[in-house]
């Protein structure tokens, strides 16, 4: 498993705007088990690791880091982690950005291709919003993410 996935910067900008305009953001699942949480509501104490995970009632969603979600399931795509009151799905709201060549509606049967790049299991990986800002600052023409079994990173181009 290894490869590079490329996203259109103009399309990713839709997600950036969504993230920036939201007041609350979804926490990635793995963070519910954090030993050093930065997202707890005032007055909620840190827990002993054996008493995790935290519940939604304990989370201040305004403190959650702004980020993308890189998803691999039936395709490879980015989502915003913004929380929306209208509860529309990313597809319904148009806030889903497929990697070039990894959209099953356009590119056909991409199961093997997705598996080669990101492995066999479905997954969701948090990608810092700062990566997009860095790409823009450096004048990158595309938003390219390199993925391997142990690492993920922004490709400089």
C-alpha atoms as a PDB file:
ATOM      1  CA  UNK A   1       0.000   0.000   0.000  1.00  0.00           C
ATOM      2  CA  UNK A   2       1.449   3.330  -1.062  1.00  0.00           C
ATOM      3  CA  UNK A   3       0.747   6.099  -3.480  1.00  0.00           C
ATOM      4  CA  UNK A   4      -0.160   9.687  -4.111  1.00  0.00           C
ATOM      5  CA  UNK A   5      -3.646  11.105  -4.283  1.00  0.00           C
ATOM      6  CA  UNK A   6      -4.313  14.393  -6.027  1.00  0.00           C
ATOM      7  CA  UNK A   7      -7.125  16.851  -5.390  1.00  0.00           C
ATOM      8  CA  UNK A   8      -8.186  19.917  -7.357  1.00  0.00           C
ATOM      9  CA  UNK A   9      -7.323  22.986  -5.251  1.00  0.00           C
ATOM     10  CA  UNK A  10     -10.429  24.875  -6.387  1.00  0.00           C
ATOM     11  CA  UNK A  11     -12.642  22.003  -5.259  1.00  0.00           C
ATOM     12  CA  UNK A  12     -10.807  21.726  -1.924  1.00  0.00           C
ATOM     13  CA  UNK A  13     -11.447  25.459  -1.394  1.00  0.00           C
ATOM     14  CA  UNK A  14     -15.187  24.643  -1.009  1.00  0.00           C
ATOM     15  CA  UNK A  15     -14.280  22.478   1.976  1.00  0.00           C
ATOM     16  CA  UNK A  16     -11.967  25.141   3.393  1.00  0.00           C
ATOM     17  CA  UNK A  17     -14.760  27.713   3.261  1.00  0.00           C
ATOM     18  CA  UNK A  18     -17.105  25.261   4.971  1.00  0.00           C
ATOM     19  CA  UNK A  19     -14.562  24.530   7.709  1.00  0.00           C
ATOM     20  CA  UNK A  20     -13.751  28.202   8.268  1.00  0.00           C
ATOM     21  CA  UNK A  21     -17.406  29.284   8.389  1.00  0.00           C
ATOM     22  CA  UNK A  22     -18.453  26.636  10.911  1.00  0.00           C
ATOM     23  CA  UNK A  23     -18.413  27.321  14.636  1.00  0.00           C
ATOM     24  CA  UNK A  24     -18.319  23.650  15.624  1.00  0.00           C
ATOM     25  CA  UNK A  25     -16.233  20.809  14.219  1.00  0.00           C
ATOM     26  CA  UNK A  26     -16.467  17.032  14.465  1.00  0.00           C
ATOM     27  CA  UNK A  27     -13.891  15.229  16.523  1.00  0.00           C
ATOM     28  CA  UNK A  28     -12.127  12.262  14.924  1.00  0.00           C
ATOM     29  CA  UNK A  29     -13.068   8.995  16.607  1.00  0.00           C
ATOM     30  CA  UNK A  30      -9.544   8.256  17.853  1.00  0.00           C
ATOM     31  CA  UNK A  31      -9.491  11.550  19.764  1.00  0.00           C
ATOM     32  CA  UNK A  32     -12.264  10.258  22.036  1.00  0.00           C
ATOM     33  CA  UNK A  33      -9.491   8.190  23.626  1.00  0.00           C
ATOM     34  CA  UNK A  34      -7.023  11.076  24.026  1.00  0.00           C
ATOM     35  CA  UNK A  35      -4.979  11.139  27.224  1.00  0.00           C
ATOM     36  CA  UNK A  36      -4.468  14.909  26.809  1.00  0.00           C
ATOM     37  CA  UNK A  37      -7.788  16.246  25.493  1.00  0.00           C
ATOM     38  CA  UNK A  38      -7.998  19.890  24.447  1.00  0.00           C
ATOM     39  CA  UNK A  39     -11.667  19.721  23.480  1.00  0.00           C
ATOM     40  CA  UNK A  40     -13.474  19.156  26.786  1.00  0.00           C
ATOM     41  CA  UNK A  41     -16.236  21.409  28.018  1.00  0.00           C
ATOM     42  CA  UNK A  42     -15.286  23.680  30.892  1.00  0.00           C
ATOM     43  CA  UNK A  43     -15.577  21.789  34.153  1.00  0.00           C
ATOM     44  CA  UNK A  44     -15.126  18.323  32.613  1.00  0.00           C
ATOM     45  CA  UNK A  45     -12.127  16.561  34.127  1.00  0.00           C
ATOM     46  CA  UNK A  46      -9.621  14.485  32.185  1.00  0.00           C
ATOM     47  CA  UNK A  47     -10.264  10.787  32.616  1.00  0.00           C
ATOM     48  CA  UNK A  48      -8.097   7.864  33.510  1.00  0.00           C
ATOM     49  CA  UNK A  49      -7.256   5.989  30.251  1.00  0.00           C
ATOM     50  CA  UNK A  50      -9.206   2.930  31.406  1.00  0.00           C
ATOM     51  CA  UNK A  51     -12.344   5.123  31.668  1.00  0.00           C
ATOM     52  CA  UNK A  52     -12.261   6.377  28.079  1.00  0.00           C
ATOM     53  CA  UNK A  53     -13.797   7.211  25.595  1.00  0.00           C
ATOM     54  CA  UNK A  54     -15.252  10.653  26.178  1.00  0.00           C
ATOM     55  CA  UNK A  55     -18.887  11.180  25.231  1.00  0.00           C
ATOM     56  CA  UNK A  56     -20.434  13.910  23.080  1.00  0.00           C
ATOM     57  CA  UNK A  57     -21.908  15.448  26.241  1.00  0.00           C
ATOM     58  CA  UNK A  58     -18.352  16.154  27.462  1.00  0.00           C
ATOM     59  CA  UNK A  59     -17.032  17.692  24.246  1.00  0.00           C
ATOM     60  CA  UNK A  60     -16.977  21.387  23.409  1.00  0.00           C
ATOM     61  CA  UNK A  61     -17.164  21.159  19.620  1.00  0.00           C
ATOM     62  CA  UNK A  62     -16.009  24.790  19.294  1.00  0.00           C
ATOM     63  CA  UNK A  63     -12.602  23.647  20.619  1.00  0.00           C
ATOM     64  CA  UNK A  64     -12.090  20.887  18.051  1.00  0.00           C
ATOM     65  CA  UNK A  65      -9.325  21.495  15.525  1.00  0.00           C
ATOM     66  CA  UNK A  66     -10.416  22.532  12.041  1.00  0.00           C
ATOM     67  CA  UNK A  67      -9.458  19.757   9.628  1.00  0.00           C
ATOM     68  CA  UNK A  68     -10.267  17.690   6.574  1.00  0.00           C
ATOM     69  CA  UNK A  69     -11.238  14.051   6.715  1.00  0.00           C
ATOM     70  CA  UNK A  70      -9.469  11.885   4.154  1.00  0.00           C
ATOM     71  CA  UNK A  71     -11.800   8.945   3.558  1.00  0.00           C
ATOM     72  CA  UNK A  72     -11.193   5.650   1.811  1.00  0.00           C
ATOM     73  CA  UNK A  73     -14.246   3.472   1.280  1.00  0.00           C
ATOM     74  CA  UNK A  74     -15.978   3.281  -2.102  1.00  0.00           C
ATOM     75  CA  UNK A  75     -13.544   5.855  -3.481  1.00  0.00           C
ATOM     76  CA  UNK A  76     -11.016   8.227  -1.944  1.00  0.00           C
ATOM     77  CA  UNK A  77     -12.197  11.695  -1.026  1.00  0.00           C
ATOM     78  CA  UNK A  78     -11.929  14.649   1.335  1.00  0.00           C
ATOM     79  CA  UNK A  79     -14.654  15.953   3.625  1.00  0.00           C
ATOM     80  CA  UNK A  80     -14.894  18.943   5.916  1.00  0.00           C
ATOM     81  CA  UNK A  81     -15.083  18.304   9.659  1.00  0.00           C
ATOM     82  CA  UNK A  82     -17.588  21.171  10.043  1.00  0.00           C
ATOM     83  CA  UNK A  83     -20.755  20.325  11.933  1.00  0.00           C
ATOM     84  CA  UNK A  84     -24.017  21.365  10.287  1.00  0.00           C
ATOM     85  CA  UNK A  85     -27.392  21.885  11.882  1.00  0.00           C
ATOM     86  CA  UNK A  86     -29.249  20.828   8.701  1.00  0.00           C
ATOM     87  CA  UNK A  87     -27.775  17.291   8.902  1.00  0.00           C
ATOM     88  CA  UNK A  88     -27.383  17.032   5.123  1.00  0.00           C
ATOM     89  CA  UNK A  89     -24.870  14.455   3.954  1.00  0.00           C
ATOM     90  CA  UNK A  90     -21.683  15.715   2.258  1.00  0.00           C
ATOM     91  CA  UNK A  91     -23.016  14.407  -1.052  1.00  0.00           C
ATOM     92  CA  UNK A  92     -26.341  16.247  -0.596  1.00  0.00           C
ATOM     93  CA  UNK A  93     -24.568  19.491   0.277  1.00  0.00           C
ATOM     94  CA  UNK A  94     -21.910  19.146  -2.445  1.00  0.00           C
ATOM     95  CA  UNK A  95     -19.158  19.080   0.176  1.00  0.00           C
ATOM     96  CA  UNK A  96     -17.282  16.005  -0.986  1.00  0.00           C
ATOM     97  CA  UNK A  97     -14.113  16.245  -3.084  1.00  0.00           C
ATOM     98  CA  UNK A  98     -12.933  13.061  -4.762  1.00  0.00           C
ATOM     99  CA  UNK A  99      -9.271  12.471  -5.509  1.00  0.00           C
ATOM    100  CA  UNK A 100      -8.554  12.506  -9.226  1.00  0.00           C
ATOM    101  CA  UNK A 101      -9.198   9.023 -10.604  1.00  0.00           C
ATOM    102  CA  UNK A 102     -10.906   7.746  -7.428  1.00  0.00           C
ATOM    103  CA  UNK A 103     -14.562   8.710  -7.944  1.00  0.00           C
ATOM    104  CA  UNK A 104     -16.624   5.552  -8.545  1.00  0.00           C
ATOM    105  CA  UNK A 105     -19.361   7.508 -10.348  1.00  0.00           C
ATOM    106  CA  UNK A 106     -16.883   8.807 -12.929  1.00  0.00           C
ATOM    107  CA  UNK A 107     -13.970   6.367 -12.875  1.00  0.00           C
ATOM    108  CA  UNK A 108     -15.886   3.080 -12.699  1.00  0.00           C
ATOM    109  CA  UNK A 109     -14.653   0.140 -10.648  1.00  0.00           C
ATOM    110  CA  UNK A 110     -11.825   1.606  -8.598  1.00  0.00           C
ATOM    111  CA  UNK A 111     -11.793  -0.902  -5.732  1.00  0.00           C
ATOM    112  CA  UNK A 112      -8.377  -2.414  -6.616  1.00  0.00           C
ATOM    113  CA  UNK A 113      -6.887   1.012  -7.304  1.00  0.00           C
ATOM    114  CA  UNK A 114      -8.070   2.352  -3.914  1.00  0.00           C
ATOM    115  CA  UNK A 115      -6.737  -0.745  -2.196  1.00  0.00           C
ATOM    116  CA  UNK A 116      -3.279  -0.336  -3.774  1.00  0.00           C
ATOM    117  CA  UNK A 117      -3.027   3.258  -2.563  1.00  0.00           C
ATOM    118  CA  UNK A 118      -4.644   3.099   0.893  1.00  0.00           C
ATOM    119  CA  UNK A 119      -4.907  -0.586   1.801  1.00  0.00           C
ATOM    120  CA  UNK A 120      -7.867  -2.928   2.032  1.00  0.00           C
ATOM    121  CA  UNK A 121      -9.655  -1.493   5.037  1.00  0.00           C
ATOM    122  CA  UNK A 122     -11.951   1.507   4.966  1.00  0.00           C
ATOM    123  CA  UNK A 123     -10.501   4.395   6.933  1.00  0.00           C
ATOM    124  CA  UNK A 124     -10.815   8.048   7.902  1.00  0.00           C
ATOM    125  CA  UNK A 125      -7.682  10.126   8.502  1.00  0.00           C
ATOM    126  CA  UNK A 126      -7.569  13.687   9.828  1.00  0.00           C
ATOM    127  CA  UNK A 127      -5.658  16.088   7.605  1.00  0.00           C
ATOM    128  CA  UNK A 128      -4.739  19.455   9.138  1.00  0.00           C
ATOM    129  CA  UNK A 129      -6.249  22.527   7.495  1.00  0.00           C
ATOM    130  CA  UNK A 130      -2.737  24.001   7.677  1.00  0.00           C
ATOM    131  CA  UNK A 131      -1.656  21.671   4.859  1.00  0.00           C
ATOM    132  CA  UNK A 132      -4.023  23.452   2.484  1.00  0.00           C
ATOM    133  CA  UNK A 133      -2.877  26.869   3.695  1.00  0.00           C
ATOM    134  CA  UNK A 134       0.751  25.827   3.170  1.00  0.00           C
ATOM    135  CA  UNK A 135       0.013  24.567  -0.359  1.00  0.00           C
ATOM    136  CA  UNK A 136      -1.621  27.895  -1.237  1.00  0.00           C
ATOM    137  CA  UNK A 137       1.208  29.907   0.338  1.00  0.00           C
ATOM    138  CA  UNK A 138       3.810  27.956  -1.657  1.00  0.00           C
ATOM    139  CA  UNK A 139       1.860  28.276  -4.922  1.00  0.00           C
ATOM    140  CA  UNK A 140       1.158  24.573  -5.406  1.00  0.00           C
ATOM    141  CA  UNK A 141      -1.031  23.803  -8.405  1.00  0.00           C
ATOM    142  CA  UNK A 142      -2.665  20.762  -6.767  1.00  0.00           C
ATOM    143  CA  UNK A 143      -3.274  19.382  -3.300  1.00  0.00           C
ATOM    144  CA  UNK A 144      -1.361  16.082  -3.333  1.00  0.00           C
ATOM    145  CA  UNK A 145      -1.169  13.720  -0.391  1.00  0.00           C
ATOM    146  CA  UNK A 146       1.347  10.889  -0.182  1.00  0.00           C
ATOM    147  CA  UNK A 147       0.175   7.777   1.651  1.00  0.00           C
ATOM    148  CA  UNK A 148       2.118   4.742   2.840  1.00  0.00           C
ATOM    149  CA  UNK A 149       1.508   2.058   5.450  1.00  0.00           C
ATOM    150  CA  UNK A 150       3.206   4.192   8.109  1.00  0.00           C
ATOM    151  CA  UNK A 151       3.149   7.794   6.898  1.00  0.00           C
ATOM    152  CA  UNK A 152       0.976  10.419   5.322  1.00  0.00           C
ATOM    153  CA  UNK A 153       2.169  13.792   4.111  1.00  0.00           C
ATOM    154  CA  UNK A 154       1.698  16.744   1.824  1.00  0.00           C
ATOM    155  CA  UNK A 155       3.651  16.487  -1.414  1.00  0.00           C
ATOM    156  CA  UNK A 156       5.534  19.625  -2.431  1.00  0.00           C
ATOM    157  CA  UNK A 157       4.683  20.597  -5.974  1.00  0.00           C
END
